[in-house]
Structure formats: C-alpha cells, structure tokens
C-alpha cells in the first residue's frame, strides 16, 4: 500500500505507517545506542541489494525494561479503583 508519504506497512487496516517513518525511528534508536545496524551480503539474484538488519543493544534492553515498568505503573494507576474524591 502507498500513501502520499510513500510506501506503507501495516497489519492494522486502520493505521498505516510509512516506511520512511520506520527507518527514521530506527536511525534515531541507533544514534542513541539502543540498536545497532548492519548490512547483509547482497542477495544472490541479479542486481540484488544488501539488506539492513537491526538488533537491540544491552543499553536498548535496559531502556526497554525501564519504559515497560513505567508503562505498567501508569496503567496500574489508571485501572486501579480510585478512592472517593471529596
């Protein structure tokens, strides 16, 4: 699927994500040291290009754990019964 912003990828038909947005986010994560990227060997077919792969770093795992814990704390506050407010 394509939009006016270029090709998109989505498994959710309601929300399309542009590939440019995905790569911009991956570049930011790499700049912050949360991921690392590398190029594969070129594909064997004629004109085959190398593909860019990404992996999460140790710093990325640490950050992901902190963000996950913070999200859970936030949702506990939203989902827990509230005390009566006077």
PDB file of N, CA and C in Angstrom:
ATOM      1  N   UNK A   1       0.839  -1.171   0.000  1.00  0.00           N
ATOM      2  CA  UNK A   1       0.000   0.000   0.000  1.00  0.00           C
ATOM      3  C   UNK A   1       0.890   1.242   0.000  1.00  0.00           C
ATOM      4  N   UNK A   2       0.444   2.284  -0.633  1.00  0.00           N
ATOM      5  CA  UNK A   2       1.211   3.526  -0.665  1.00  0.00           C
ATOM      6  C   UNK A   2       0.313   4.690  -0.282  1.00  0.00           C
ATOM      7  N   UNK A   3       0.907   5.688   0.284  1.00  0.00           N
ATOM      8  CA  UNK A   3       0.186   6.903   0.615  1.00  0.00           C
ATOM      9  C   UNK A   3       0.924   8.062  -0.041  1.00  0.00           C
ATOM     10  N   UNK A   4       0.469   9.254   0.228  1.00  0.00           N
ATOM     11  CA  UNK A   4       1.163  10.401  -0.366  1.00  0.00           C
ATOM     12  C   UNK A   4       2.538  10.591   0.246  1.00  0.00           C
ATOM     13  N   UNK A   5       2.832   9.870   1.359  1.00  0.00           N
ATOM     14  CA  UNK A   5       4.137   9.943   2.002  1.00  0.00           C
ATOM     15  C   UNK A   5       5.049   8.806   1.578  1.00  0.00           C
ATOM     16  N   UNK A   6       4.619   7.955   0.666  1.00  0.00           N
ATOM     17  CA  UNK A   6       5.433   6.837   0.200  1.00  0.00           C
ATOM     18  C   UNK A   6       4.836   5.516   0.622  1.00  0.00           C
ATOM     19  N   UNK A   7       5.591   4.430   0.416  1.00  0.00           N
ATOM     20  CA  UNK A   7       5.080   3.107   0.760  1.00  0.00           C
ATOM     21  C   UNK A   7       4.785   3.001   2.252  1.00  0.00           C
ATOM     22  N   UNK A   8       3.805   2.190   2.597  1.00  0.00           N
ATOM     23  CA  UNK A   8       3.448   1.997   3.994  1.00  0.00           C
ATOM     24  C   UNK A   8       3.450   0.524   4.331  1.00  0.00           C
ATOM     25  N   UNK A   9       3.501   0.243   5.614  1.00  0.00           N
ATOM     26  CA  UNK A   9       3.386  -1.141   6.075  1.00  0.00           C
ATOM     27  C   UNK A   9       2.462  -1.140   7.274  1.00  0.00           C
ATOM     28  N   UNK A  10       1.558  -2.100   7.315  1.00  0.00           N
ATOM     29  CA  UNK A  10       0.636  -2.165   8.430  1.00  0.00           C
ATOM     30  C   UNK A  10      -0.078  -3.496   8.437  1.00  0.00           C
ATOM     31  N   UNK A  11      -0.220  -4.080   9.626  1.00  0.00           N
ATOM     32  CA  UNK A  11      -1.078  -5.246   9.766  1.00  0.00           C
ATOM     33  C   UNK A  11      -2.439  -4.795  10.261  1.00  0.00           C
ATOM     34  N   UNK A  12      -2.544  -3.537  10.648  1.00  0.00           N
ATOM     35  CA  UNK A  12      -3.791  -2.945  11.115  1.00  0.00           C
ATOM     36  C   UNK A  12      -4.344  -2.078   9.993  1.00  0.00           C
ATOM     37  N   UNK A  13      -5.501  -2.435   9.451  1.00  0.00           N
ATOM     38  CA  UNK A  13      -6.022  -1.667   8.316  1.00  0.00           C
ATOM     39  C   UNK A  13      -6.410  -0.230   8.668  1.00  0.00           C
ATOM     40  N   UNK A  14      -6.504   0.075   9.949  1.00  0.00           N
ATOM     41  CA  UNK A  14      -6.889   1.428  10.353  1.00  0.00           C
ATOM     42  C   UNK A  14      -5.689   2.362  10.441  1.00  0.00           C
ATOM     43  N   UNK A  15      -4.513   1.807  10.732  1.00  0.00           N
ATOM     44  CA  UNK A  15      -3.337   2.648  10.950  1.00  0.00           C
ATOM     45  C   UNK A  15      -2.203   2.222  10.034  1.00  0.00           C
ATOM     46  N   UNK A  16      -1.915   3.040   9.049  1.00  0.00           N
ATOM     47  CA  UNK A  16      -0.790   2.790   8.158  1.00  0.00           C
ATOM     48  C   UNK A  16       0.434   3.527   8.692  1.00  0.00           C
ATOM     49  N   UNK A  17       1.574   2.912   8.558  1.00  0.00           N
ATOM     50  CA  UNK A  17       2.833   3.507   8.999  1.00  0.00           C
ATOM     51  C   UNK A  17       3.728   3.629   7.779  1.00  0.00           C
ATOM     52  N   UNK A  18       4.268   4.807   7.547  1.00  0.00           N
ATOM     53  CA  UNK A  18       5.141   4.965   6.383  1.00  0.00           C
ATOM     54  C   UNK A  18       6.488   4.308   6.657  1.00  0.00           C
ATOM     55  N   UNK A  19       7.052   3.711   5.632  1.00  0.00           N
ATOM     56  CA  UNK A  19       8.370   3.086   5.778  1.00  0.00           C
ATOM     57  C   UNK A  19       9.425   4.130   6.115  1.00  0.00           C
ATOM     58  N   UNK A  20       9.269   5.332   5.591  1.00  0.00           N
ATOM     59  CA  UNK A  20      10.213   6.402   5.916  1.00  0.00           C
ATOM     60  C   UNK A  20      10.181   6.694   7.416  1.00  0.00           C
ATOM     61  N   UNK A  21       9.008   6.648   8.020  1.00  0.00           N
ATOM     62  CA  UNK A  21       8.874   6.869   9.455  1.00  0.00           C
ATOM     63  C   UNK A  21       9.533   5.767  10.266  1.00  0.00           C
ATOM     64  N   UNK A  22       9.396   4.531   9.792  1.00  0.00           N
ATOM     65  CA  UNK A  22      10.026   3.394  10.468  1.00  0.00           C
ATOM     66  C   UNK A  22      11.543   3.543  10.429  1.00  0.00           C
ATOM     67  N   UNK A  23      12.094   3.848   9.257  1.00  0.00           N
ATOM     68  CA  UNK A  23      13.544   3.982   9.144  1.00  0.00           C
ATOM     69  C   UNK A  23      14.063   5.192   9.902  1.00  0.00           C
ATOM     70  N   UNK A  24      13.295   6.266   9.963  1.00  0.00           N
ATOM     71  CA  UNK A  24      13.708   7.433  10.747  1.00  0.00           C
ATOM     72  C   UNK A  24      13.785   7.063  12.230  1.00  0.00           C
ATOM     73  N   UNK A  25      12.806   6.301  12.710  1.00  0.00           N
ATOM     74  CA  UNK A  25      12.814   5.868  14.109  1.00  0.00           C
ATOM     75  C   UNK A  25      13.995   4.933  14.375  1.00  0.00           C
ATOM     76  N   UNK A  26      14.259   4.009  13.461  1.00  0.00           N
ATOM     77  CA  UNK A  26      15.394   3.097  13.633  1.00  0.00           C
ATOM     78  C   UNK A  26      16.714   3.859  13.636  1.00  0.00           C
ATOM     79  N   UNK A  27      16.840   4.865  12.794  1.00  0.00           N
ATOM     80  CA  UNK A  27      18.059   5.692  12.786  1.00  0.00           C
ATOM     81  C   UNK A  27      18.241   6.415  14.115  1.00  0.00           C
ATOM     82  N   UNK A  28      17.147   6.945  14.686  1.00  0.00           N
ATOM     83  CA  UNK A  28      17.237   7.630  15.983  1.00  0.00           C
ATOM     84  C   UNK A  28      17.649   6.652  17.083  1.00  0.00           C
ATOM     85  N   UNK A  29      17.067   5.452  17.068  1.00  0.00           N
ATOM     86  CA  UNK A  29      17.421   4.451  18.077  1.00  0.00           C
ATOM     87  C   UNK A  29      18.886   4.054  17.970  1.00  0.00           C
ATOM     88  N   UNK A  30      19.383   3.955  16.741  1.00  0.00           N
ATOM     89  CA  UNK A  30      20.803   3.626  16.550  1.00  0.00           C
ATOM     90  C   UNK A  30      21.686   4.780  17.030  1.00  0.00           C
ATOM     91  N   UNK A  31      21.299   6.007  16.732  1.00  0.00           N
ATOM     92  CA  UNK A  31      22.059   7.179  17.163  1.00  0.00           C
ATOM     93  C   UNK A  31      22.155   7.217  18.692  1.00  0.00           C
ATOM     94  N   UNK A  32      21.085   6.819  19.374  1.00  0.00           N
ATOM     95  CA  UNK A  32      21.057   6.807  20.834  1.00  0.00           C
ATOM     96  C   UNK A  32      21.764   5.595  21.435  1.00  0.00           C
ATOM     97  N   UNK A  33      22.211   4.671  20.582  1.00  0.00           N
ATOM     98  CA  UNK A  33      22.910   3.488  21.057  1.00  0.00           C
ATOM     99  C   UNK A  33      21.980   2.391  21.560  1.00  0.00           C
ATOM    100  N   UNK A  34      20.706   2.480  21.214  1.00  0.00           N
ATOM    101  CA  UNK A  34      19.734   1.495  21.686  1.00  0.00           C
ATOM    102  C   UNK A  34      19.583   0.324  20.721  1.00  0.00           C
ATOM    103  N   UNK A  35      20.013   0.521  19.473  1.00  0.00           N
ATOM    104  CA  UNK A  35      20.037  -0.556  18.482  1.00  0.00           C
ATOM    105  C   UNK A  35      21.362  -0.475  17.739  1.00  0.00           C
ATOM    106  N   UNK A  36      21.661  -1.523  17.005  1.00  0.00           N
ATOM    107  CA  UNK A  36      22.819  -1.479  16.103  1.00  0.00           C
ATOM    108  C   UNK A  36      22.348  -2.034  14.772  1.00  0.00           C
ATOM    109  N   UNK A  37      22.916  -1.535  13.717  1.00  0.00           N
ATOM    110  CA  UNK A  37      22.518  -1.944  12.370  1.00  0.00           C
ATOM    111  C   UNK A  37      23.716  -2.501  11.627  1.00  0.00           C
ATOM    112  N   UNK A  38      23.442  -3.406  10.696  1.00  0.00           N
ATOM    113  CA  UNK A  38      24.487  -3.928   9.826  1.00  0.00           C
ATOM    114  C   UNK A  38      23.863  -4.315   8.500  1.00  0.00           C
ATOM    115  N   UNK A  39      24.703  -4.379   7.481  1.00  0.00           N
ATOM    116  CA  UNK A  39      24.244  -4.764   6.148  1.00  0.00           C
ATOM    117  C   UNK A  39      24.571  -6.229   5.901  1.00  0.00           C
ATOM    118  N   UNK A  40      23.617  -6.938   5.312  1.00  0.00           N
ATOM    119  CA  UNK A  40      23.851  -8.335   4.948  1.00  0.00           C
ATOM    120  C   UNK A  40      24.659  -8.379   3.657  1.00  0.00           C
ATOM    121  N   UNK A  41      25.058  -9.560   3.267  1.00  0.00           N
ATOM    122  CA  UNK A  41      25.687  -9.708   1.964  1.00  0.00           C
ATOM    123  C   UNK A  41      24.614  -9.477   0.905  1.00  0.00           C
ATOM    124  N   UNK A  42      24.990  -8.994  -0.263  1.00  0.00           N
ATOM    125  CA  UNK A  42      23.983  -8.743  -1.301  1.00  0.00           C
ATOM    126  C   UNK A  42      23.225 -10.018  -1.664  1.00  0.00           C
ATOM    127  N   UNK A  43      21.983  -9.876  -2.008  1.00  0.00           N
ATOM    128  CA  UNK A  43      21.149 -11.019  -2.400  1.00  0.00           C
ATOM    129  C   UNK A  43      21.708 -11.627  -3.678  1.00  0.00           C
ATOM    130  N   UNK A  44      21.541 -12.944  -3.861  1.00  0.00           N
ATOM    131  CA  UNK A  44      22.179 -13.617  -4.994  1.00  0.00           C
ATOM    132  C   UNK A  44      21.596 -13.279  -6.367  1.00  0.00           C
ATOM    133  N   UNK A  45      20.345 -12.824  -6.451  1.00  0.00           N
ATOM    134  CA  UNK A  45      19.789 -12.537  -7.779  1.00  0.00           C
ATOM    135  C   UNK A  45      20.463 -11.321  -8.398  1.00  0.00           C
ATOM    136  N   UNK A  46      20.343 -11.216  -9.680  1.00  0.00           N
ATOM    137  CA  UNK A  46      20.960 -10.108 -10.407  1.00  0.00           C
ATOM    138  C   UNK A  46      20.460  -8.780  -9.853  1.00  0.00           C
ATOM    139  N   UNK A  47      21.385  -7.912  -9.578  1.00  0.00           N
ATOM    140  CA  UNK A  47      21.022  -6.604  -9.024  1.00  0.00           C
ATOM    141  C   UNK A  47      20.604  -6.670  -7.561  1.00  0.00           C
ATOM    142  N   UNK A  48      20.838  -7.828  -6.913  1.00  0.00           N
ATOM    143  CA  UNK A  48      20.439  -7.988  -5.520  1.00  0.00           C
ATOM    144  C   UNK A  48      21.163  -7.006  -4.610  1.00  0.00           C
ATOM    145  N   UNK A  49      20.427  -6.441  -3.703  1.00  0.00           N
ATOM    146  CA  UNK A  49      20.996  -5.460  -2.791  1.00  0.00           C
ATOM    147  C   UNK A  49      21.184  -6.062  -1.411  1.00  0.00           C
ATOM    148  N   UNK A  50      22.074  -5.483  -0.670  1.00  0.00           N
ATOM    149  CA  UNK A  50      22.259  -5.874   0.729  1.00  0.00           C
ATOM    150  C   UNK A  50      21.061  -5.350   1.523  1.00  0.00           C
ATOM    151  N   UNK A  51      20.689  -6.091   2.534  1.00  0.00           N
ATOM    152  CA  UNK A  51      19.587  -5.661   3.397  1.00  0.00           C
ATOM    153  C   UNK A  51      20.147  -5.158   4.711  1.00  0.00           C
ATOM    154  N   UNK A  52      19.464  -4.181   5.268  1.00  0.00           N
ATOM    155  CA  UNK A  52      19.880  -3.609   6.546  1.00  0.00           C
ATOM    156  C   UNK A  52      19.152  -4.360   7.660  1.00  0.00           C
ATOM    157  N   UNK A  53      19.906  -4.847   8.638  1.00  0.00           N
ATOM    158  CA  UNK A  53      19.343  -5.574   9.776  1.00  0.00           C
ATOM    159  C   UNK A  53      19.582  -4.761  11.042  1.00  0.00           C
ATOM    160  N   UNK A  54      18.722  -4.959  12.022  1.00  0.00           N
ATOM    161  CA  UNK A  54      18.826  -4.232  13.287  1.00  0.00           C
ATOM    162  C   UNK A  54      18.750  -5.212  14.444  1.00  0.00           C
ATOM    163  N   UNK A  55      19.457  -4.896  15.521  1.00  0.00           N
ATOM    164  CA  UNK A  55      19.398  -5.679  16.756  1.00  0.00           C
ATOM    165  C   UNK A  55      19.392  -4.711  17.924  1.00  0.00           C
ATOM    166  N   UNK A  56      18.735  -5.112  18.990  1.00  0.00           N
ATOM    167  CA  UNK A  56      18.706  -4.273  20.182  1.00  0.00           C
ATOM    168  C   UNK A  56      20.020  -4.469  20.946  1.00  0.00           C
ATOM    169  N   UNK A  57      20.537  -3.398  21.510  1.00  0.00           N
ATOM    170  CA  UNK A  57      21.784  -3.457  22.285  1.00  0.00           C
ATOM    171  C   UNK A  57      21.454  -3.681  23.765  1.00  0.00           C
ATOM    172  N   UNK A  58      22.481  -3.891  24.569  1.00  0.00           N
ATOM    173  CA  UNK A  58      22.279  -4.037  26.019  1.00  0.00           C
ATOM    174  C   UNK A  58      21.645  -2.768  26.589  1.00  0.00           C
ATOM    175  N   UNK A  59      22.113  -1.617  26.127  1.00  0.00           N
ATOM    176  CA  UNK A  59      21.523  -0.348  26.583  1.00  0.00           C
ATOM    177  C   UNK A  59      20.059  -0.257  26.151  1.00  0.00           C
ATOM    178  N   UNK A  60      19.763  -0.761  24.968  1.00  0.00           N
ATOM    179  CA  UNK A  60      18.384  -0.765  24.481  1.00  0.00           C
ATOM    180  C   UNK A  60      17.490  -1.654  25.326  1.00  0.00           C
ATOM    181  N   UNK A  61      18.007  -2.819  25.735  1.00  0.00           N
ATOM    182  CA  UNK A  61      17.227  -3.719  26.595  1.00  0.00           C
ATOM    183  C   UNK A  61      16.960  -3.076  27.953  1.00  0.00           C
ATOM    184  N   UNK A  62      17.976  -2.417  28.495  1.00  0.00           N
ATOM    185  CA  UNK A  62      17.816  -1.732  29.780  1.00  0.00           C
ATOM    186  C   UNK A  62      16.744  -0.652  29.664  1.00  0.00           C
ATOM    187  N   UNK A  63      16.845   0.162  28.620  1.00  0.00           N
ATOM    188  CA  UNK A  63      15.877   1.243  28.410  1.00  0.00           C
ATOM    189  C   UNK A  63      14.480   0.689  28.196  1.00  0.00           C
ATOM    190  N   UNK A  64      14.366  -0.386  27.424  1.00  0.00           N
ATOM    191  CA  UNK A  64      13.072  -1.008  27.176  1.00  0.00           C
ATOM    192  C   UNK A  64      12.459  -1.507  28.483  1.00  0.00           C
ATOM    193  N   UNK A  65      13.272  -2.103  29.346  1.00  0.00           N
ATOM    194  CA  UNK A  65      12.773  -2.566  30.639  1.00  0.00           C
ATOM    195  C   UNK A  65      12.256  -1.422  31.497  1.00  0.00           C
ATOM    196  N   UNK A  66      12.992  -0.310  31.516  1.00  0.00           N
ATOM    197  CA  UNK A  66      12.548   0.868  32.286  1.00  0.00           C
ATOM    198  C   UNK A  66      11.247   1.427  31.735  1.00  0.00           C
ATOM    199  N   UNK A  67      11.169   1.540  30.408  1.00  0.00           N
ATOM    200  CA  UNK A  67       9.963   2.086  29.786  1.00  0.00           C
ATOM    201  C   UNK A  67       8.765   1.174  30.031  1.00  0.00           C
ATOM    202  N   UNK A  68       8.995  -0.134  29.969  1.00  0.00           N
ATOM    203  CA  UNK A  68       7.922  -1.096  30.212  1.00  0.00           C
ATOM    204  C   UNK A  68       7.410  -0.983  31.643  1.00  0.00           C
ATOM    205  N   UNK A  69       8.332  -0.909  32.603  1.00  0.00           N
ATOM    206  CA  UNK A  69       7.943  -0.777  34.008  1.00  0.00           C
ATOM    207  C   UNK A  69       7.166   0.516  34.237  1.00  0.00           C
ATOM    208  N   UNK A  70       7.602   1.588  33.619  1.00  0.00           N
ATOM    209  CA  UNK A  70       6.908   2.863  33.773  1.00  0.00           C
ATOM    210  C   UNK A  70       5.502   2.788  33.179  1.00  0.00           C
ATOM    211  N   UNK A  71       5.361   2.144  32.042  1.00  0.00           N
ATOM    212  CA  UNK A  71       4.048   1.985  31.423  1.00  0.00           C
ATOM    213  C   UNK A  71       3.130   1.165  32.318  1.00  0.00           C
ATOM    214  N   UNK A  72       3.647   0.084  32.906  1.00  0.00           N
ATOM    215  CA  UNK A  72       2.830  -0.728  33.809  1.00  0.00           C
ATOM    216  C   UNK A  72       2.385   0.069  35.027  1.00  0.00           C
ATOM    217  N   UNK A  73       3.294   0.878  35.593  1.00  0.00           N
ATOM    218  CA  UNK A  73       2.914   1.724  36.737  1.00  0.00           C
ATOM    219  C   UNK A  73       1.814   2.704  36.338  1.00  0.00           C
ATOM    220  N   UNK A  74       1.938   3.272  35.158  1.00  0.00           N
ATOM    221  CA  UNK A  74       0.931   4.223  34.689  1.00  0.00           C
ATOM    222  C   UNK A  74      -0.427   3.534  34.561  1.00  0.00           C
ATOM    223  N   UNK A  75      -0.455   2.362  33.931  1.00  0.00           N
ATOM    224  CA  UNK A  75      -1.721   1.660  33.729  1.00  0.00           C
ATOM    225  C   UNK A  75      -2.310   1.165  35.039  1.00  0.00           C
ATOM    226  N   UNK A  76      -1.462   0.797  35.999  1.00  0.00           N
ATOM    227  CA  UNK A  76      -1.996   0.407  37.311  1.00  0.00           C
ATOM    228  C   UNK A  76      -2.744   1.578  37.931  1.00  0.00           C
ATOM    229  N   UNK A  77      -2.211   2.778  37.759  1.00  0.00           N
ATOM    230  CA  UNK A  77      -2.889   3.959  38.278  1.00  0.00           C
ATOM    231  C   UNK A  77      -4.202   4.234  37.570  1.00  0.00           C
ATOM    232  N   UNK A  78      -4.262   3.931  36.284  1.00  0.00           N
ATOM    233  CA  UNK A  78      -5.489   4.172  35.516  1.00  0.00           C
ATOM    234  C   UNK A  78      -6.529   3.110  35.824  1.00  0.00           C
ATOM    235  N   UNK A  79      -6.105   1.856  35.927  1.00  0.00           N
ATOM    236  CA  UNK A  79      -7.035   0.744  36.069  1.00  0.00           C
ATOM    237  C   UNK A  79      -7.422   0.443  37.509  1.00  0.00           C
ATOM    238  N   UNK A  80      -6.658   0.917  38.487  1.00  0.00           N
ATOM    239  CA  UNK A  80      -6.997   0.612  39.883  1.00  0.00           C
ATOM    240  C   UNK A  80      -8.209   1.427  40.296  1.00  0.00           C
ATOM    241  N   UNK A  81      -9.012   0.862  41.196  1.00  0.00           N
ATOM    242  CA  UNK A  81     -10.182   1.612  41.664  1.00  0.00           C
ATOM    243  C   UNK A  81      -9.712   2.900  42.343  1.00  0.00           C
ATOM    244  N   UNK A  82     -10.347   3.975  42.026  1.00  0.00           N
ATOM    245  CA  UNK A  82      -9.971   5.267  42.625  1.00  0.00           C
ATOM    246  C   UNK A  82     -10.679   5.435  43.948  1.00  0.00           C
ATOM    247  N   UNK A  83     -10.017   6.123  44.819  1.00  0.00           N
ATOM    248  CA  UNK A  83     -10.631   6.443  46.110  1.00  0.00           C
ATOM    249  C   UNK A  83     -11.638   7.553  45.892  1.00  0.00           C
ATOM    250  N   UNK A  84     -12.605   7.605  46.739  1.00  0.00           N
ATOM    251  CA  UNK A  84     -13.621   8.657  46.579  1.00  0.00           C
ATOM    252  C   UNK A  84     -12.960  10.011  46.772  1.00  0.00           C
ATOM    253  N   UNK A  85     -13.299  10.891  45.895  1.00  0.00           N
ATOM    254  CA  UNK A  85     -12.718  12.246  45.958  1.00  0.00           C
ATOM    255  C   UNK A  85     -13.737  13.185  46.564  1.00  0.00           C
ATOM    256  N   UNK A  86     -13.298  13.936  47.539  1.00  0.00           N
ATOM    257  CA  UNK A  86     -14.218  14.894  48.186  1.00  0.00           C
ATOM    258  C   UNK A  86     -13.747  16.288  47.981  1.00  0.00           C
TER     259      UNK A  86
END
